[in-house]
Amino acid sequence: MAKTTYNNPYHPYPYEMRGQFAEKQEKDKTRFFEVHSFKYDEEEIKWLKENDMFEHSGYDTYIERLNRPITDSDNVFYLYYIETYYADPNQDDIELFNESSDCYETYYFQNIDELLEFANHKWGLVLSDFVQKHKTHIPSY
């Protein structure tokens, strides 16, 4: 995978990324992937910590589970995570789809490039594998 450096303070995903969802057949199972982002605001984090509200903010989950500490916060605009799980792609009902899902894994990153590089090394995914949700077998609510 070619090394990119996507870091846009106004939009979390590269324009070449057609969506935040992917699926991949692995032997007799289908693995699904979902990429999520969370706006990183250092001033808000500072305020939350000063007011003992950090643990209830959502930031704590992202920051504590990052793949590495944030060293250059001036260049971090979003935090990311990729969630993956197995599920039955033949389930059209969201409740049955959710019941069929298992083996959840979640990985956290401070930039999209690290997330995409990790996904490429771990599962062989590339940027173009990510599509809009309706182009996968994940049912809508």
C-alpha atoms as a PDB file:
ATOM      1  CA  MET A   1       0.000   0.000   0.000  1.00  0.00           C
ATOM      2  CA  ALA A   2       1.421   3.368  -0.992  1.00  0.00           C
ATOM      3  CA  LYS A   3       2.298   5.615   1.923  1.00  0.00           C
ATOM      4  CA  THR A   4      -0.061   8.562   2.131  1.00  0.00           C
ATOM      5  CA  THR A   5      -0.335  11.410   4.566  1.00  0.00           C
ATOM      6  CA  TYR A   6      -3.960  12.389   4.829  1.00  0.00           C
ATOM      7  CA  ASN A   7      -4.535  14.939   7.556  1.00  0.00           C
ATOM      8  CA  ASN A   8      -7.454  17.279   6.941  1.00  0.00           C
ATOM      9  CA  PRO A   9      -8.843  19.315   9.850  1.00  0.00           C
ATOM     10  CA  TYR A  10     -12.200  19.691   8.051  1.00  0.00           C
ATOM     11  CA  HIS A  11     -12.974  16.139   6.946  1.00  0.00           C
ATOM     12  CA  PRO A  12     -11.914  12.869   8.590  1.00  0.00           C
ATOM     13  CA  TYR A  13     -11.660  10.653   5.480  1.00  0.00           C
ATOM     14  CA  PRO A  14      -9.672  10.855   2.214  1.00  0.00           C
ATOM     15  CA  TYR A  15     -11.857  11.657  -0.781  1.00  0.00           C
ATOM     16  CA  GLU A  16     -10.677   8.416  -2.452  1.00  0.00           C
ATOM     17  CA  MET A  17     -12.264   6.455   0.384  1.00  0.00           C
ATOM     18  CA  ARG A  18     -15.711   5.618  -0.968  1.00  0.00           C
ATOM     19  CA  GLY A  19     -17.170   4.798   2.439  1.00  0.00           C
ATOM     20  CA  GLN A  20     -16.320   3.477   5.867  1.00  0.00           C
ATOM     21  CA  PHE A  21     -17.502  -0.126   5.476  1.00  0.00           C
ATOM     22  CA  ALA A  22     -15.974  -3.255   3.983  1.00  0.00           C
ATOM     23  CA  GLU A  23     -16.466  -6.981   3.956  1.00  0.00           C
ATOM     24  CA  LYS A  24     -14.192  -9.844   3.090  1.00  0.00           C
ATOM     25  CA  GLN A  25     -14.772 -13.553   2.656  1.00  0.00           C
ATOM     26  CA  GLU A  26     -12.487 -15.626   4.896  1.00  0.00           C
ATOM     27  CA  LYS A  27     -12.805 -19.370   4.341  1.00  0.00           C
ATOM     28  CA  ASP A  28     -16.431 -20.124   5.260  1.00  0.00           C
ATOM     29  CA  LYS A  29     -17.114 -16.821   7.091  1.00  0.00           C
ATOM     30  CA  THR A  30     -17.646 -13.206   6.114  1.00  0.00           C
ATOM     31  CA  ARG A  31     -15.700 -10.586   8.040  1.00  0.00           C
ATOM     32  CA  PHE A  32     -17.173  -7.090   8.213  1.00  0.00           C
ATOM     33  CA  PHE A  33     -15.290  -3.856   8.875  1.00  0.00           C
ATOM     34  CA  GLU A  34     -16.503  -0.464  10.075  1.00  0.00           C
ATOM     35  CA  VAL A  35     -14.308   2.639  10.367  1.00  0.00           C
ATOM     36  CA  HIS A  36     -15.380   5.407  12.739  1.00  0.00           C
ATOM     37  CA  SER A  37     -13.925   8.808  13.557  1.00  0.00           C
ATOM     38  CA  PHE A  38     -14.160  11.133  16.525  1.00  0.00           C
ATOM     39  CA  LYS A  39     -13.236  14.833  16.425  1.00  0.00           C
ATOM     40  CA  TYR A  40     -10.120  15.521  18.526  1.00  0.00           C
ATOM     41  CA  ASP A  41     -10.198  18.835  20.385  1.00  0.00           C
ATOM     42  CA  GLU A  42      -7.253  19.364  22.731  1.00  0.00           C
ATOM     43  CA  GLU A  43      -8.830  22.391  24.433  1.00  0.00           C
ATOM     44  CA  GLU A  44     -12.006  20.452  25.164  1.00  0.00           C
ATOM     45  CA  ILE A  45      -9.974  17.558  26.559  1.00  0.00           C
ATOM     46  CA  LYS A  46      -8.065  19.933  28.818  1.00  0.00           C
ATOM     47  CA  TRP A  47     -11.336  21.446  30.071  1.00  0.00           C
ATOM     48  CA  LEU A  48     -12.852  18.004  30.650  1.00  0.00           C
ATOM     49  CA  LYS A  49      -9.835  16.893  32.667  1.00  0.00           C
ATOM     50  CA  GLU A  50      -9.841  20.087  34.749  1.00  0.00           C
ATOM     51  CA  ASN A  51     -13.511  19.531  35.567  1.00  0.00           C
ATOM     52  CA  ASP A  52     -13.200  15.782  36.287  1.00  0.00           C
ATOM     53  CA  MET A  53     -15.415  14.908  33.334  1.00  0.00           C
ATOM     54  CA  PHE A  54     -12.858  13.271  31.057  1.00  0.00           C
ATOM     55  CA  GLU A  55     -13.763   9.697  32.036  1.00  0.00           C
ATOM     56  CA  HIS A  56     -17.373  10.249  30.939  1.00  0.00           C
ATOM     57  CA  SER A  57     -16.652  12.098  27.715  1.00  0.00           C
ATOM     58  CA  GLY A  58     -15.935   9.403  25.168  1.00  0.00           C
ATOM     59  CA  TYR A  59     -12.422  10.755  24.665  1.00  0.00           C
ATOM     60  CA  ASP A  60     -11.119   8.483  27.393  1.00  0.00           C
ATOM     61  CA  THR A  61     -12.037   5.354  25.439  1.00  0.00           C
ATOM     62  CA  TYR A  62     -10.257   6.556  22.325  1.00  0.00           C
ATOM     63  CA  ILE A  63      -7.151   7.986  23.960  1.00  0.00           C
ATOM     64  CA  GLU A  64      -6.539   5.130  26.401  1.00  0.00           C
ATOM     65  CA  ARG A  65      -6.759   2.543  23.629  1.00  0.00           C
ATOM     66  CA  LEU A  66      -4.703   4.291  20.948  1.00  0.00           C
ATOM     67  CA  ASN A  67      -2.002   2.224  19.279  1.00  0.00           C
ATOM     68  CA  ARG A  68       0.573   4.790  20.501  1.00  0.00           C
ATOM     69  CA  PRO A  69       0.579   7.992  22.589  1.00  0.00           C
ATOM     70  CA  ILE A  70      -0.250  11.298  20.923  1.00  0.00           C
ATOM     71  CA  THR A  71       3.055  13.132  20.569  1.00  0.00           C
ATOM     72  CA  ASP A  72       2.139  15.916  18.120  1.00  0.00           C
ATOM     73  CA  SER A  73      -1.364  16.997  19.084  1.00  0.00           C
ATOM     74  CA  ASP A  74      -1.214  20.006  16.724  1.00  0.00           C
ATOM     75  CA  ASN A  75      -1.458  17.556  13.824  1.00  0.00           C
ATOM     76  CA  VAL A  76      -4.206  15.338  15.254  1.00  0.00           C
ATOM     77  CA  PHE A  77      -7.675  16.415  14.167  1.00  0.00           C
ATOM     78  CA  TYR A  78      -9.583  13.134  14.449  1.00  0.00           C
ATOM     79  CA  LEU A  79      -9.195   9.868  16.321  1.00  0.00           C
ATOM     80  CA  TYR A  80     -10.218   6.665  14.560  1.00  0.00           C
ATOM     81  CA  TYR A  81     -11.134   3.114  15.230  1.00  0.00           C
ATOM     82  CA  ILE A  82     -11.781   0.107  13.056  1.00  0.00           C
ATOM     83  CA  GLU A  83     -14.203  -2.510  14.290  1.00  0.00           C
ATOM     84  CA  THR A  84     -14.319  -5.938  12.719  1.00  0.00           C
ATOM     85  CA  TYR A  85     -16.527  -8.955  13.282  1.00  0.00           C
ATOM     86  CA  TYR A  86     -17.922 -12.039  11.580  1.00  0.00           C
ATOM     87  CA  ALA A  87     -21.617 -12.149  10.665  1.00  0.00           C
ATOM     88  CA  ASP A  88     -24.009 -13.955   8.362  1.00  0.00           C
ATOM     89  CA  PRO A  89     -24.257 -11.916   5.131  1.00  0.00           C
ATOM     90  CA  ASN A  90     -27.540 -13.648   4.269  1.00  0.00           C
ATOM     91  CA  GLN A  91     -29.417 -12.007   7.146  1.00  0.00           C
ATOM     92  CA  ASP A  92     -31.522  -9.091   5.858  1.00  0.00           C
ATOM     93  CA  ASP A  93     -32.987  -8.297   9.259  1.00  0.00           C
ATOM     94  CA  ILE A  94     -30.689  -6.148  11.399  1.00  0.00           C
ATOM     95  CA  GLU A  95     -31.590  -7.997  14.612  1.00  0.00           C
ATOM     96  CA  LEU A  96     -30.844 -11.405  13.082  1.00  0.00           C
ATOM     97  CA  PHE A  97     -27.653 -10.024  11.544  1.00  0.00           C
ATOM     98  CA  ASN A  98     -26.547  -8.730  14.949  1.00  0.00           C
ATOM     99  CA  GLU A  99     -27.402 -12.063  16.586  1.00  0.00           C
ATOM    100  CA  SER A 100     -25.255 -13.847  14.002  1.00  0.00           C
ATOM    101  CA  SER A 101     -22.238 -11.622  14.664  1.00  0.00           C
ATOM    102  CA  ASP A 102     -19.293 -12.654  16.807  1.00  0.00           C
ATOM    103  CA  CYS A 103     -15.520 -12.337  17.241  1.00  0.00           C
ATOM    104  CA  TYR A 104     -15.506  -8.548  17.602  1.00  0.00           C
ATOM    105  CA  GLU A 105     -12.151  -6.774  17.484  1.00  0.00           C
ATOM    106  CA  THR A 106     -11.544  -3.021  17.762  1.00  0.00           C
ATOM    107  CA  TYR A 107      -8.329  -1.098  17.097  1.00  0.00           C
ATOM    108  CA  TYR A 108      -7.753   2.628  17.761  1.00  0.00           C
ATOM    109  CA  PHE A 109      -5.555   5.096  15.840  1.00  0.00           C
ATOM    110  CA  GLN A 110      -4.687   8.785  15.825  1.00  0.00           C
ATOM    111  CA  ASN A 111      -4.689   9.129  12.054  1.00  0.00           C
ATOM    112  CA  ILE A 112      -6.359   7.446   9.117  1.00  0.00           C
ATOM    113  CA  ASP A 113      -3.052   6.523   7.476  1.00  0.00           C
ATOM    114  CA  GLU A 114      -2.070   4.313  10.408  1.00  0.00           C
ATOM    115  CA  LEU A 115      -5.497   2.695  10.418  1.00  0.00           C
ATOM    116  CA  LEU A 116      -5.347   1.952   6.678  1.00  0.00           C
ATOM    117  CA  GLU A 117      -1.798   0.626   6.910  1.00  0.00           C
ATOM    118  CA  PHE A 118      -2.824  -1.649   9.784  1.00  0.00           C
ATOM    119  CA  ALA A 119      -5.898  -2.886   7.868  1.00  0.00           C
ATOM    120  CA  ASN A 120      -3.734  -3.605   4.853  1.00  0.00           C
ATOM    121  CA  HIS A 121      -1.167  -5.603   6.830  1.00  0.00           C
ATOM    122  CA  LYS A 122      -3.681  -7.477   8.985  1.00  0.00           C
ATOM    123  CA  TRP A 123      -6.450  -8.215   6.450  1.00  0.00           C
ATOM    124  CA  GLY A 124      -5.144  -7.135   3.040  1.00  0.00           C
ATOM    125  CA  LEU A 125      -7.627  -4.262   2.770  1.00  0.00           C
ATOM    126  CA  VAL A 126      -6.905  -1.229   0.607  1.00  0.00           C
ATOM    127  CA  LEU A 127      -8.539   2.183   0.460  1.00  0.00           C
ATOM    128  CA  SER A 128     -10.872   1.210  -2.383  1.00  0.00           C
ATOM    129  CA  ASP A 129     -12.244  -1.763  -0.381  1.00  0.00           C
ATOM    130  CA  PHE A 130     -14.098   0.696   1.854  1.00  0.00           C
ATOM    131  CA  VAL A 131     -17.534   1.541   0.503  1.00  0.00           C
ATOM    132  CA  GLN A 132     -20.834   2.970   1.667  1.00  0.00           C
ATOM    133  CA  LYS A 133     -22.832   0.787   4.036  1.00  0.00           C
ATOM    134  CA  HIS A 134     -25.565  -0.008   1.509  1.00  0.00           C
ATOM    135  CA  LYS A 135     -22.932  -1.577  -0.781  1.00  0.00           C
ATOM    136  CA  THR A 136     -22.191  -4.234   1.835  1.00  0.00           C
ATOM    137  CA  HIS A 137     -24.373  -6.981   3.283  1.00  0.00           C
ATOM    138  CA  ILE A 138     -24.837  -5.013   6.512  1.00  0.00           C
ATOM    139  CA  PRO A 139     -28.590  -4.435   6.814  1.00  0.00           C
ATOM    140  CA  SER A 140     -29.963  -0.994   7.645  1.00  0.00           C
ATOM    141  CA  TYR A 141     -32.252  -0.215  10.540  1.00  0.00           C
END
